[in-house]
Amino acid sequence: MTSVETQDFPATPELCLPPTLRKPRLRRWEASEYLELVHGITIAPATLAKLASIGGGPSFNKANRTPLYPAVELDRWAIERLGKLVRSTSDAGLQAAE
């Protein structure tokens, strides 16, 4: 196996990200951009706000009233949301049964 196959996180180098997305904690609109660029997950900032209210979204810190999403938590949440790789649509059914 190569090192790319054994990684849990995408092989996208951090330097390829725009400077605003290289911070350790991101505002909600930045978190939305980060998830799309790094993981291919399109999620609106308003949806992240709703998930912050009802649960099920990525973990975040609050600085006064401002939610700040640690990049490592965004990575963890995205990988959990994406699930395991499957080779066919029938494999997806087996994954749900496990």
Protein backbone atom coordinates (compact mmCIF):
# COMPACT_ATOMS: atom_id res chain seq x y z
CA MET A 1 0.00 0.00 0.00
CA THR A 2 1.14 3.51 -0.65
CA SER A 3 0.96 6.17 2.02
CA VAL A 4 -1.96 7.82 0.20
CA GLU A 5 -4.07 4.65 0.46
CA THR A 6 -3.49 4.34 4.21
CA GLN A 7 -4.30 7.94 5.08
CA ASP A 8 -7.60 8.78 6.72
CA PHE A 9 -7.49 12.33 5.42
CA PRO A 10 -7.27 13.65 1.87
CA ALA A 11 -3.85 14.02 0.32
CA THR A 12 -4.53 17.66 -0.60
CA PRO A 13 -1.53 19.70 0.53
CA GLU A 14 -2.45 22.51 2.87
CA LEU A 15 -0.49 24.94 0.72
CA CYS A 16 -2.99 24.46 -2.13
CA LEU A 17 -5.72 26.06 -0.02
CA PRO A 18 -6.38 29.80 -0.21
CA PRO A 19 -4.70 31.70 2.65
CA THR A 20 -8.03 32.35 4.40
CA LEU A 21 -8.59 28.59 4.74
CA ARG A 22 -5.15 27.76 6.21
CA LYS A 23 -6.08 28.96 9.70
CA PRO A 24 -6.47 26.46 12.55
CA ARG A 25 -10.07 27.60 13.19
CA LEU A 26 -12.50 28.77 10.53
CA ARG A 27 -15.62 30.91 10.59
CA ARG A 28 -18.80 29.30 9.32
CA TRP A 29 -18.52 30.62 5.73
CA GLU A 30 -14.87 29.54 5.63
CA ALA A 31 -15.78 26.10 6.99
CA SER A 32 -18.29 25.74 4.16
CA GLU A 33 -15.61 26.57 1.57
CA TYR A 34 -13.09 24.28 3.26
CA LEU A 35 -15.44 21.29 3.21
CA GLU A 36 -16.11 21.82 -0.48
CA LEU A 37 -12.48 22.33 -1.52
CA VAL A 38 -10.90 19.61 0.61
CA HIS A 39 -13.63 16.96 0.81
CA GLY A 40 -16.02 17.77 -2.03
CA ILE A 41 -18.93 18.20 0.41
CA THR A 42 -21.16 21.10 -0.60
CA ILE A 43 -22.87 22.48 2.48
CA ALA A 44 -24.15 26.03 2.93
CA PRO A 45 -23.14 28.15 5.91
CA ALA A 46 -26.85 28.32 6.82
CA THR A 47 -26.98 24.52 6.94
CA LEU A 48 -23.94 24.47 9.24
CA ALA A 49 -25.79 26.98 11.44
CA LYS A 50 -28.85 24.74 11.56
CA LEU A 51 -26.74 21.67 12.36
CA ALA A 52 -25.06 23.66 15.15
CA SER A 53 -28.53 24.28 16.57
CA ILE A 54 -30.11 20.82 16.18
CA GLY A 55 -26.95 18.69 16.29
CA GLY A 56 -25.27 16.44 13.77
CA GLY A 57 -22.77 18.95 12.41
CA PRO A 58 -19.05 19.34 12.99
CA SER A 59 -17.86 20.33 16.46
CA PHE A 60 -16.97 23.99 16.99
CA ASN A 61 -15.72 26.47 19.57
CA LYS A 62 -17.36 29.77 20.35
CA ALA A 63 -15.49 33.04 20.71
CA ASN A 64 -18.19 35.26 22.19
CA ARG A 65 -21.01 34.74 19.65
CA THR A 66 -18.78 33.62 16.78
CA PRO A 67 -18.61 29.88 16.03
CA LEU A 68 -15.12 28.74 15.04
CA TYR A 69 -14.64 25.32 13.45
CA PRO A 70 -11.24 23.63 13.99
CA ALA A 71 -9.98 22.28 10.65
CA VAL A 72 -9.25 18.89 12.24
CA GLU A 73 -12.87 18.62 13.37
CA LEU A 74 -14.10 19.50 9.89
CA ASP A 75 -11.88 16.72 8.50
CA ARG A 76 -13.14 14.22 11.09
CA TRP A 77 -16.81 15.11 10.46
CA ALA A 78 -16.41 14.96 6.66
CA ILE A 79 -14.78 11.52 6.74
CA GLU A 80 -17.47 10.25 9.10
CA ARG A 81 -20.17 11.65 6.82
CA LEU A 82 -18.63 10.21 3.66
CA GLY A 83 -18.37 6.71 5.14
CA LYS A 84 -16.36 3.82 3.79
CA LEU A 85 -15.44 3.40 0.15
CA VAL A 86 -17.60 0.96 -1.79
CA ARG A 87 -16.97 -0.73 -5.14
CA SER A 88 -20.60 -1.02 -6.25
CA THR A 89 -24.08 0.12 -5.29
CA SER A 90 -24.78 -3.30 -3.78
CA ASP A 91 -21.85 -2.77 -1.39
CA ALA A 92 -23.58 0.35 -0.08
CA GLY A 93 -26.50 -1.82 1.12
CA LEU A 94 -24.14 -4.10 3.00
CA GLN A 95 -22.56 -1.12 4.71
CA ALA A 96 -25.94 0.02 6.08
CA ALA A 97 -26.63 -3.46 7.48
CA GLU A 98 -23.36 -3.56 9.45
